[in-house]
């Protein structure tokens, strides 16, 4: 569901948005900029979903173990 929002901005900024983004694309542009600052994903459930992929988890574990071995060699 979408909601309408009225913003007040400087006329020069508005004209720059119209020239650069286009008159019918400003809302999408602003939403894309703002979204990561106000919508926070549920990381716990996303990580739990990722953990269900046992093949991918095994590959990640193997990669991590190899990385640790490489780091251990560098400090010797």
Protein backbone atom coordinates (compact mmCIF):
# COMPACT_ATOMS: atom_id res chain seq x y z
CA UNK A 1 0.00 0.00 0.00
CA UNK A 2 1.31 3.42 -0.87
CA UNK A 3 0.85 6.64 1.08
CA UNK A 4 1.06 10.16 -0.27
CA UNK A 5 3.64 12.46 1.33
CA UNK A 6 4.10 16.17 0.75
CA UNK A 7 7.67 17.48 1.04
CA UNK A 8 8.83 21.06 0.95
CA UNK A 9 12.21 21.58 -0.70
CA UNK A 10 14.14 24.45 -2.20
CA UNK A 11 13.05 25.37 -5.74
CA UNK A 12 16.59 24.90 -7.05
CA UNK A 13 16.71 21.35 -5.62
CA UNK A 14 13.32 20.58 -7.14
CA UNK A 15 14.41 21.76 -10.57
CA UNK A 16 17.60 19.72 -10.25
CA UNK A 17 15.54 16.63 -9.43
CA UNK A 18 13.26 17.20 -12.42
CA UNK A 19 16.24 17.64 -14.75
CA UNK A 20 18.31 14.78 -13.38
CA UNK A 21 15.74 12.18 -12.33
CA UNK A 22 12.72 13.13 -14.40
CA UNK A 23 9.38 14.56 -13.34
CA UNK A 24 7.57 11.21 -12.94
CA UNK A 25 10.42 9.42 -11.16
CA UNK A 26 11.15 11.66 -8.15
CA UNK A 27 9.02 9.66 -5.68
CA UNK A 28 10.81 6.40 -6.51
CA UNK A 29 14.20 8.13 -6.29
CA UNK A 30 13.43 9.56 -2.84
CA UNK A 31 12.00 6.26 -1.61
CA UNK A 32 15.10 4.36 -2.75
CA UNK A 33 17.32 6.85 -0.91
CA UNK A 34 15.30 6.82 2.31
CA UNK A 35 14.37 3.11 2.55
CA UNK A 36 17.67 1.74 3.93
CA UNK A 37 17.58 4.36 6.71
CA UNK A 38 14.08 3.56 7.94
CA UNK A 39 13.37 -0.08 7.03
CA UNK A 40 15.51 -2.58 8.91
CA UNK A 41 15.41 -6.21 7.84
CA UNK A 42 14.75 -8.98 10.32
CA UNK A 43 18.31 -10.30 10.17
CA UNK A 44 17.70 -13.10 12.66
CA UNK A 45 15.05 -14.75 10.51
CA UNK A 46 17.09 -14.15 7.35
CA UNK A 47 20.15 -15.82 8.92
CA UNK A 48 17.99 -18.74 10.10
CA UNK A 49 16.70 -19.15 6.54
CA UNK A 50 20.25 -19.10 5.18
CA UNK A 51 21.35 -21.72 7.73
CA UNK A 52 18.78 -24.15 6.33
CA UNK A 53 20.88 -24.42 3.17
CA UNK A 54 23.27 -27.07 4.48
CA UNK A 55 25.35 -27.23 1.30
CA UNK A 56 25.98 -23.49 1.37
CA UNK A 57 26.72 -23.64 5.11
CA UNK A 58 29.28 -26.40 4.53
CA UNK A 59 31.00 -24.34 1.83
CA UNK A 60 31.08 -21.32 4.15
CA UNK A 61 32.57 -23.42 6.97
CA UNK A 62 35.28 -24.80 4.66
CA UNK A 63 36.10 -21.29 3.43
CA UNK A 64 36.32 -19.99 7.02
CA UNK A 65 38.61 -22.84 8.09
CA UNK A 66 40.94 -22.21 5.14
CA UNK A 67 41.02 -18.49 5.98
CA UNK A 68 41.95 -19.24 9.60
CA UNK A 69 44.75 -21.54 8.44
CA UNK A 70 46.09 -18.81 6.11
CA UNK A 71 46.07 -16.26 8.93
CA UNK A 72 47.83 -18.70 11.28
CA UNK A 73 50.59 -19.21 8.69
CA UNK A 74 51.12 -15.46 8.34
CA UNK A 75 51.86 -15.05 12.05
CA UNK A 76 54.47 -17.82 12.14
